[in-house]
């Protein structure tokens, strides 16, 4: 594999579904070209940043490195803006103002209030596994739904709408996957965003007419600079929480179980010592890295690892590559349920550090705290399949056979 072939993994959705190919390519880039120029048909040029240190350095410097106008590799910075505006598209001074709207809900104290509810949901879905008679698809039967129930309940959405939210999320993040995309056209993701927009417009109108005590109402009735939050920003808030708030956790949970099945010694270790669940969940997040990248654009001429980046040029921060950096992680290709310290960047870093970090950890821990003591035997019942994606993803099928108490 040469460097150009290695660089192609960032613009080829099938690459993220082939872990061996992807990690072989990025290991080569980390060694030989850690700031690598990518020019690929159909994509605006960019630099791929693959080392942990450089990802942190760029993420820390919000003055030089801006989120706007390009947040993802597939986005054309010269194209019209998308029909919503979320936190990931904002820079200061807007970003801290809008982030503050929901910050208290996602701080440790706010998340702890949800502990009992999340533990109940974890038991509900492990009980569901037991009801399925010893065989299921862990993604479609458990992992896709459990965090969905948590986050949509937080927003106050009716349970009857949960399947619709799941379908729209899969269409949005799976727009490069023929099994998940709405259609094969170039407008698939845009059509999905417009459906989200129409749905959440109705939520805004309802919560403004009849305020409630859920996060959905807090967002709809938020004040920004002395006036009501804009509709683009409110819808963007809902879409970010409703999609990233469950799909990333689903990917970590299901990809984590797949890792345990591939490393039976680690499963036995975890089963013998369930106290390792917290470190195991963080290792799952490192291992899967559900958010594959974010982009930053240079506000001025600068350098990264001695490579000149001109103002207006974009870099791709590769979180899965940073999370396998040999300079940071001992034996990074090993799945270690007791890994500590674990300085992964699965939640990003800097001003845009994931808002839902504490919630995601709590959900993962609650599910595995319930699952590990009850799961007696488990094995693959068929080949796992991963999403073809360029942005967010993990397993889309994980058939398992098991004995559960």
Protein backbone atom coordinates (compact mmCIF):
# COMPACT_ATOMS: atom_id res chain seq x y z
CA UNK A 1 0.00 0.00 0.00
CA UNK A 2 1.42 3.40 -0.99
CA UNK A 3 0.59 6.74 0.62
CA UNK A 4 -1.99 7.76 -1.98
CA UNK A 5 -3.84 4.47 -1.53
CA UNK A 6 -3.64 4.91 2.24
CA UNK A 7 -5.09 8.41 1.99
CA UNK A 8 -8.04 7.15 -0.03
CA UNK A 9 -9.61 5.61 3.09
CA UNK A 10 -10.88 9.04 4.15
CA UNK A 11 -13.05 9.43 1.02
CA UNK A 12 -14.10 5.81 0.52
CA UNK A 13 -17.15 4.83 2.64
CA UNK A 14 -16.35 1.13 2.25
CA UNK A 15 -13.01 1.64 4.03
CA UNK A 16 -14.62 2.22 7.42
CA UNK A 17 -16.47 -1.08 7.00
CA UNK A 18 -13.12 -2.88 6.55
CA UNK A 19 -11.23 -2.35 9.81
CA UNK A 20 -8.08 -4.18 8.73
CA UNK A 21 -7.68 -2.06 5.61
CA UNK A 22 -8.50 1.17 7.43
CA UNK A 23 -6.10 0.69 10.34
CA UNK A 24 -3.31 -0.58 8.07
CA UNK A 25 -3.64 2.56 5.97
CA UNK A 26 -3.69 5.00 8.86
CA UNK A 27 -0.79 3.29 10.63
CA UNK A 28 1.24 3.91 7.45
CA UNK A 29 0.19 7.56 7.39
CA UNK A 30 1.08 8.05 11.05
CA UNK A 31 4.57 6.72 10.35
CA UNK A 32 5.33 8.34 7.02
CA UNK A 33 2.96 11.23 6.35
CA UNK A 34 1.02 12.24 9.49
CA UNK A 35 -0.23 15.45 7.82
CA UNK A 36 -1.18 14.15 4.41
CA UNK A 37 -2.65 16.04 1.48
CA UNK A 38 -5.79 14.39 0.05
CA UNK A 39 -7.09 15.23 -3.41
CA UNK A 40 -9.95 12.95 -4.40
CA UNK A 41 -12.55 13.30 -7.14
CA UNK A 42 -15.81 14.64 -5.76
CA UNK A 43 -14.24 16.15 -2.63
CA UNK A 44 -12.73 19.52 -1.91
CA UNK A 45 -9.01 19.00 -1.07
CA UNK A 46 -7.96 18.69 2.57
CA UNK A 47 -5.17 17.53 4.85
CA UNK A 48 -5.61 14.34 6.89
CA UNK A 49 -4.21 14.66 10.43
CA UNK A 50 -3.64 11.22 11.96
CA UNK A 51 -1.46 11.68 15.06
CA UNK A 52 -2.96 12.08 18.54
CA UNK A 53 -0.77 15.04 19.48
CA UNK A 54 -1.74 17.00 16.37
CA UNK A 55 -5.45 16.30 16.82
CA UNK A 56 -5.21 17.70 20.37
CA UNK A 57 -3.18 20.73 19.31
CA UNK A 58 -5.61 21.72 16.58
CA UNK A 59 -8.65 21.04 18.78
CA UNK A 60 -7.27 23.30 21.52
CA UNK A 61 -6.74 26.30 19.24
CA UNK A 62 -10.18 27.62 18.30
CA UNK A 63 -8.67 30.96 17.30
CA UNK A 64 -6.69 29.50 14.41
CA UNK A 65 -8.88 26.50 13.61
CA UNK A 66 -12.56 27.12 12.89
CA UNK A 67 -15.47 24.69 12.54
CA UNK A 68 -17.14 26.75 9.84
CA UNK A 69 -17.54 26.48 6.93
CA UNK A 70 -16.62 22.78 6.63
CA UNK A 71 -17.47 20.33 9.41
CA UNK A 72 -17.27 17.05 7.46
CA UNK A 73 -15.25 15.67 4.57
CA UNK A 74 -18.23 15.29 2.25
CA UNK A 75 -19.21 18.91 2.71
CA UNK A 76 -18.32 21.36 -0.05
CA UNK A 77 -17.36 24.61 1.71
CA UNK A 78 -18.46 26.63 -1.34
CA UNK A 79 -21.94 25.06 -1.38
CA UNK A 80 -25.02 26.65 0.24
CA UNK A 81 -25.31 26.16 3.98
CA UNK A 82 -27.40 23.18 5.19
CA UNK A 83 -31.00 23.88 6.27
CA UNK A 84 -30.11 23.65 9.97
CA UNK A 85 -27.34 25.09 12.12
CA UNK A 86 -26.01 23.03 15.01
CA UNK A 87 -23.29 23.36 17.65
CA UNK A 88 -20.78 21.49 15.48
CA UNK A 89 -21.07 24.20 12.82
CA UNK A 90 -20.57 27.09 15.23
CA UNK A 91 -17.50 29.00 16.34
CA UNK A 92 -17.08 31.60 19.07
CA UNK A 93 -18.81 33.82 20.03
CA UNK A 94 -21.93 31.82 19.09
CA UNK A 95 -20.76 28.38 20.14
CA UNK A 96 -20.37 28.94 23.91
CA UNK A 97 -23.68 30.83 24.06
CA UNK A 98 -25.65 28.03 22.41
CA UNK A 99 -23.78 25.25 24.20
CA UNK A 100 -24.75 26.82 27.53
CA UNK A 101 -28.47 26.30 26.75
CA UNK A 102 -28.32 22.58 27.53
CA UNK A 103 -25.03 22.33 29.43
CA UNK A 104 -26.59 21.75 32.86
CA UNK A 105 -28.55 18.76 31.53
CA UNK A 106 -25.35 16.99 30.52
CA UNK A 107 -23.11 17.82 33.47
CA UNK A 108 -22.40 14.96 35.92
CA UNK A 109 -25.01 16.19 38.39
CA UNK A 110 -27.67 16.44 35.69
CA UNK A 111 -26.82 13.02 34.29
CA UNK A 112 -26.86 11.38 37.74
CA UNK A 113 -30.55 12.25 38.00
CA UNK A 114 -31.12 9.88 35.09
CA UNK A 115 -29.26 6.95 36.65
CA UNK A 116 -32.31 5.03 37.86
CA UNK A 117 -34.16 5.48 34.57
CA UNK A 118 -31.14 4.37 32.54
CA UNK A 119 -30.61 1.32 34.77
CA UNK A 120 -34.28 0.40 34.25
CA UNK A 121 -33.89 0.70 30.49
CA UNK A 122 -30.72 -1.39 30.55
CA UNK A 123 -32.59 -4.14 32.40
CA UNK A 124 -35.51 -3.84 29.99
CA UNK A 125 -33.30 -4.49 26.98
CA UNK A 126 -31.31 -7.30 28.57
CA UNK A 127 -34.63 -8.86 29.55
CA UNK A 128 -35.62 -8.47 25.90
CA UNK A 129 -32.51 -10.43 24.91
CA UNK A 130 -33.64 -13.19 27.26
CA UNK A 131 -37.12 -13.17 25.70
CA UNK A 132 -35.62 -13.62 22.23
CA UNK A 133 -34.64 -17.17 23.10
CA UNK A 134 -30.87 -17.18 22.87
CA UNK A 135 -30.29 -15.59 19.46
CA UNK A 136 -30.58 -12.00 18.23
CA UNK A 137 -28.97 -9.27 16.22
CA UNK A 138 -27.40 -7.24 19.00
CA UNK A 139 -27.44 -4.07 16.86
CA UNK A 140 -31.02 -4.07 15.61
CA UNK A 141 -32.57 -5.71 18.67
CA UNK A 142 -30.70 -3.96 21.49
CA UNK A 143 -27.97 -1.42 20.75
CA UNK A 144 -29.94 0.69 18.27
CA UNK A 145 -32.89 1.10 20.64
CA UNK A 146 -31.55 1.36 24.18
CA UNK A 147 -29.73 4.73 23.85
CA UNK A 148 -32.50 5.95 21.55
CA UNK A 149 -35.02 5.53 24.38
CA UNK A 150 -32.71 7.42 26.75
CA UNK A 151 -32.06 10.47 24.60
CA UNK A 152 -35.53 10.84 23.08
CA UNK A 153 -37.11 10.54 26.51
CA UNK A 154 -34.79 13.35 27.61
CA UNK A 155 -36.11 15.49 24.75
CA UNK A 156 -39.67 14.58 25.72
CA UNK A 157 -40.61 13.04 22.38
CA UNK A 158 -43.48 10.52 22.31
CA UNK A 159 -42.46 6.86 22.19
CA UNK A 160 -44.60 6.36 19.08
CA UNK A 161 -42.15 8.60 17.21
CA UNK A 162 -39.00 6.69 18.27
CA UNK A 163 -39.00 4.37 15.21
CA UNK A 164 -39.23 7.39 12.92
CA UNK A 165 -36.30 9.08 14.67
CA UNK A 166 -34.24 5.88 14.39
CA UNK A 167 -34.99 5.59 10.67
CA UNK A 168 -34.12 9.23 9.99
CA UNK A 169 -30.88 8.95 11.99
CA UNK A 170 -29.83 5.84 10.09
CA UNK A 171 -30.64 7.56 6.80
CA UNK A 172 -28.60 10.62 7.80
CA UNK A 173 -25.46 8.85 9.05
CA UNK A 174 -25.90 5.93 6.63
CA UNK A 175 -26.33 8.01 3.50
CA UNK A 176 -23.28 6.25 2.01
CA UNK A 177 -24.60 2.77 2.84
CA UNK A 178 -27.02 1.14 0.39
CA UNK A 179 -28.71 -0.77 3.23
CA UNK A 180 -29.43 2.36 5.25
CA UNK A 181 -29.65 5.31 2.85
CA UNK A 182 -33.01 6.70 1.80
CA UNK A 183 -31.98 6.44 -1.84
CA UNK A 184 -28.81 6.32 -3.90
CA UNK A 185 -29.03 9.93 -5.07
CA UNK A 186 -26.84 12.86 -4.06
CA UNK A 187 -29.77 14.55 -2.28
CA UNK A 188 -30.51 11.69 0.17
CA UNK A 189 -28.94 13.35 3.22
CA UNK A 190 -30.53 16.70 2.39
CA UNK A 191 -33.97 15.12 2.08
CA UNK A 192 -33.50 13.48 5.48
CA UNK A 193 -32.48 16.80 7.04
CA UNK A 194 -35.60 18.44 5.62
CA UNK A 195 -37.74 15.72 7.21
CA UNK A 196 -36.03 16.37 10.53
CA UNK A 197 -36.66 20.09 10.06
CA UNK A 198 -40.38 19.63 9.50
CA UNK A 199 -40.72 17.27 12.47
CA UNK A 200 -38.88 19.53 14.90
CA UNK A 201 -40.67 22.67 13.67
CA UNK A 202 -43.81 21.10 15.11
CA UNK A 203 -41.99 20.30 18.37
CA UNK A 204 -40.87 23.94 18.69
CA UNK A 205 -44.40 25.22 18.12
CA UNK A 206 -45.84 22.79 20.65
CA UNK A 207 -43.26 23.51 23.38
CA UNK A 208 -43.67 27.26 22.95
CA UNK A 209 -47.43 26.97 23.26
CA UNK A 210 -47.35 24.43 26.08
CA UNK A 211 -43.96 24.41 27.88
CA UNK A 212 -42.98 21.21 29.69
CA UNK A 213 -40.12 20.18 31.97
CA UNK A 214 -38.07 18.32 29.34
CA UNK A 215 -34.97 19.33 27.40
CA UNK A 216 -37.06 19.81 24.26
CA UNK A 217 -38.92 22.62 25.98
CA UNK A 218 -35.70 24.18 27.30
CA UNK A 219 -34.33 24.42 23.76
CA UNK A 220 -37.56 25.71 22.19
CA UNK A 221 -37.88 28.47 24.79
CA UNK A 222 -34.21 29.41 25.06
CA UNK A 223 -33.23 33.07 24.86
CA UNK A 224 -30.18 34.12 22.84
CA UNK A 225 -28.93 37.72 22.94
CA UNK A 226 -32.19 38.88 24.45
CA UNK A 227 -34.45 37.21 21.90
CA UNK A 228 -35.86 33.75 21.21
CA UNK A 229 -33.55 31.14 19.74
CA UNK A 230 -33.70 31.05 15.94
CA UNK A 231 -35.54 28.23 14.24
CA UNK A 232 -32.47 27.02 12.33
CA UNK A 233 -30.51 26.85 15.56
CA UNK A 234 -33.29 25.20 17.58
CA UNK A 235 -33.84 22.52 14.95
CA UNK A 236 -30.08 22.05 14.69
CA UNK A 237 -29.95 21.50 18.44
CA UNK A 238 -32.69 18.88 18.33
CA UNK A 239 -31.14 17.04 15.39
CA UNK A 240 -27.70 16.96 17.00
CA UNK A 241 -29.01 15.58 20.30
CA UNK A 242 -31.52 13.20 18.74
CA UNK A 243 -29.01 11.66 16.31
CA UNK A 244 -25.50 11.88 17.75
CA UNK A 245 -27.01 11.42 21.20
CA UNK A 246 -27.91 7.82 20.48
CA UNK A 247 -26.24 6.57 17.28
CA UNK A 248 -22.71 7.05 18.60
CA UNK A 249 -23.54 5.27 21.85
CA UNK A 250 -25.19 2.46 19.91
CA UNK A 251 -22.02 2.04 17.83
CA UNK A 252 -19.78 1.93 20.91
CA UNK A 253 -22.01 -0.57 22.72
CA UNK A 254 -22.33 -2.95 19.77
CA UNK A 255 -18.77 -2.53 18.54
CA UNK A 256 -17.64 -3.14 22.10
CA UNK A 257 -19.44 -6.47 22.25
CA UNK A 258 -17.92 -7.43 18.91
CA UNK A 259 -14.48 -6.61 20.32
CA UNK A 260 -15.15 -8.80 23.35
CA UNK A 261 -16.14 -11.66 21.06
CA UNK A 262 -12.94 -11.21 19.07
CA UNK A 263 -10.91 -11.12 22.30
CA UNK A 264 -12.41 -13.92 24.45
CA UNK A 265 -9.66 -13.53 27.03
CA UNK A 266 -10.94 -10.00 27.68
CA UNK A 267 -14.52 -11.25 27.92
CA UNK A 268 -13.45 -13.81 30.53
CA UNK A 269 -11.51 -11.12 32.38
CA UNK A 270 -14.54 -8.80 32.44
CA UNK A 271 -16.91 -11.59 33.45
CA UNK A 272 -14.60 -12.51 36.33
CA UNK A 273 -14.31 -8.88 37.45
CA UNK A 274 -17.39 -6.77 36.54
CA UNK A 275 -15.72 -3.90 38.39
CA UNK A 276 -13.81 -3.37 35.15
CA UNK A 277 -16.97 -2.23 33.33
CA UNK A 278 -16.06 1.51 33.51
CA UNK A 279 -12.63 1.04 31.92
CA UNK A 280 -14.07 -1.52 29.49
CA UNK A 281 -16.64 1.01 28.25
CA UNK A 282 -13.94 3.63 27.64
CA UNK A 283 -11.91 1.03 25.78
CA UNK A 284 -14.96 0.29 23.62
CA UNK A 285 -15.20 3.97 22.75
CA UNK A 286 -11.50 4.10 21.87
CA UNK A 287 -11.73 0.90 19.86
CA UNK A 288 -14.82 1.82 17.83
CA UNK A 289 -14.36 5.62 17.65
CA UNK A 290 -17.96 6.11 16.40
CA UNK A 291 -17.31 9.70 15.24
CA UNK A 292 -14.75 9.18 12.50
CA UNK A 293 -13.70 12.78 12.06
CA UNK A 294 -14.48 16.44 12.21
CA UNK A 295 -12.98 19.08 9.97
CA UNK A 296 -11.33 22.36 10.91
CA UNK A 297 -10.44 25.23 8.59
CA UNK A 298 -7.40 27.45 9.09
CA UNK A 299 -8.30 31.08 9.79
CA UNK A 300 -4.72 32.12 8.98
CA UNK A 301 -1.55 30.67 7.51
CA UNK A 302 -0.12 28.14 9.94
CA UNK A 303 1.84 24.90 10.18
CA UNK A 304 1.11 21.43 11.54
CA UNK A 305 4.11 19.20 12.23
CA UNK A 306 6.15 21.43 9.91
CA UNK A 307 3.63 21.24 7.05
CA UNK A 308 2.40 24.61 5.83
CA UNK A 309 -1.40 24.98 5.87
CA UNK A 310 -2.70 28.09 4.11
CA UNK A 311 -5.59 30.18 5.42
CA UNK A 312 -8.82 28.70 4.11
CA UNK A 313 -7.48 25.15 3.82
CA UNK A 314 -9.18 22.38 5.80
CA UNK A 315 -7.82 19.54 7.92
CA UNK A 316 -9.54 16.29 8.82
CA UNK A 317 -9.05 15.26 12.45
CA UNK A 318 -9.01 11.47 12.36
CA UNK A 319 -10.19 10.23 15.75
CA UNK A 320 -9.89 6.48 15.05
CA UNK A 321 -6.30 6.98 13.91
CA UNK A 322 -5.43 9.16 16.90
CA UNK A 323 -6.92 6.46 19.11
CA UNK A 324 -4.44 3.90 17.75
CA UNK A 325 -1.39 6.19 18.00
CA UNK A 326 1.61 4.14 19.09
CA UNK A 327 3.15 7.15 20.84
CA UNK A 328 0.20 7.40 23.23
CA UNK A 329 -1.27 3.92 23.70
CA UNK A 330 0.66 0.85 24.77
CA UNK A 331 -0.10 -1.92 22.27
CA UNK A 332 -2.86 0.16 20.60
CA UNK A 333 -4.03 -2.76 18.47
CA UNK A 334 -4.94 -4.76 21.57
CA UNK A 335 -8.40 -4.52 23.14
CA UNK A 336 -7.81 -4.14 26.89
CA UNK A 337 -10.84 -3.90 29.22
CA UNK A 338 -8.60 -2.61 32.02
CA UNK A 339 -6.69 -0.02 29.97
CA UNK A 340 -5.64 2.87 32.16
CA UNK A 341 -4.86 5.59 31.53
CA UNK A 342 -6.92 5.74 28.38
CA UNK A 343 -6.38 9.10 26.72
CA UNK A 344 -8.68 8.43 23.79
CA UNK A 345 -10.27 11.23 21.78
CA UNK A 346 -13.48 9.36 21.09
CA UNK A 347 -15.38 12.35 22.49
CA UNK A 348 -13.28 14.91 20.67
CA UNK A 349 -11.31 17.55 22.54
CA UNK A 350 -11.25 21.27 23.27
CA UNK A 351 -14.18 23.67 23.02
CA UNK A 352 -16.22 21.13 21.05
CA UNK A 353 -15.68 18.25 23.48
CA UNK A 354 -18.80 16.07 23.24
CA UNK A 355 -21.67 17.53 25.24
CA UNK A 356 -23.04 14.07 26.03
CA UNK A 357 -19.82 12.47 27.32
CA UNK A 358 -21.10 11.75 30.82
CA UNK A 359 -24.43 10.45 29.53
CA UNK A 360 -22.77 8.13 27.01
CA UNK A 361 -20.48 6.67 29.67
CA UNK A 362 -23.41 6.17 32.05
CA UNK A 363 -25.45 4.40 29.37
CA UNK A 364 -22.59 2.09 28.42
CA UNK A 365 -21.81 1.24 32.02
CA UNK A 366 -25.46 0.62 32.90
CA UNK A 367 -25.97 -1.78 30.01
CA UNK A 368 -22.81 -3.78 30.65
CA UNK A 369 -23.39 -3.77 34.41
CA UNK A 370 -26.67 -5.52 33.63
CA UNK A 371 -25.40 -7.70 30.80
CA UNK A 372 -22.07 -9.04 32.08
CA UNK A 373 -23.38 -10.90 35.17
CA UNK A 374 -26.29 -12.41 33.21
CA UNK A 375 -24.56 -13.47 29.99
CA UNK A 376 -23.25 -16.99 30.51
CA UNK A 377 -22.14 -17.88 26.99
CA UNK A 378 -22.01 -15.81 23.81
CA UNK A 379 -20.68 -16.31 20.29
CA UNK A 380 -21.20 -14.95 16.81
CA UNK A 381 -24.15 -16.48 14.97
CA UNK A 382 -23.12 -15.02 11.62
CA UNK A 383 -20.74 -12.49 10.08
CA UNK A 384 -20.85 -8.96 11.57
CA UNK A 385 -21.28 -6.07 9.16
CA UNK A 386 -20.19 -2.47 9.58
CA UNK A 387 -21.69 0.68 8.12
CA UNK A 388 -20.23 2.18 5.00
CA UNK A 389 -19.76 5.75 6.15
CA UNK A 390 -17.48 8.77 6.06
CA UNK A 391 -18.60 10.45 9.27
CA UNK A 392 -20.33 8.46 12.03
CA UNK A 393 -20.80 4.73 12.25
CA UNK A 394 -20.21 1.30 13.71
CA UNK A 395 -21.75 -2.15 13.36
CA UNK A 396 -25.02 -2.41 11.46
CA UNK A 397 -25.42 -6.15 12.10
CA UNK A 398 -24.04 -8.28 14.93
CA UNK A 399 -25.82 -11.66 15.02
CA UNK A 400 -25.10 -13.50 18.27
CA UNK A 401 -26.04 -16.75 19.97
CA UNK A 402 -26.04 -16.80 23.77
CA UNK A 403 -27.21 -18.18 27.07
CA UNK A 404 -28.55 -15.56 29.45
CA UNK A 405 -30.01 -15.57 32.94
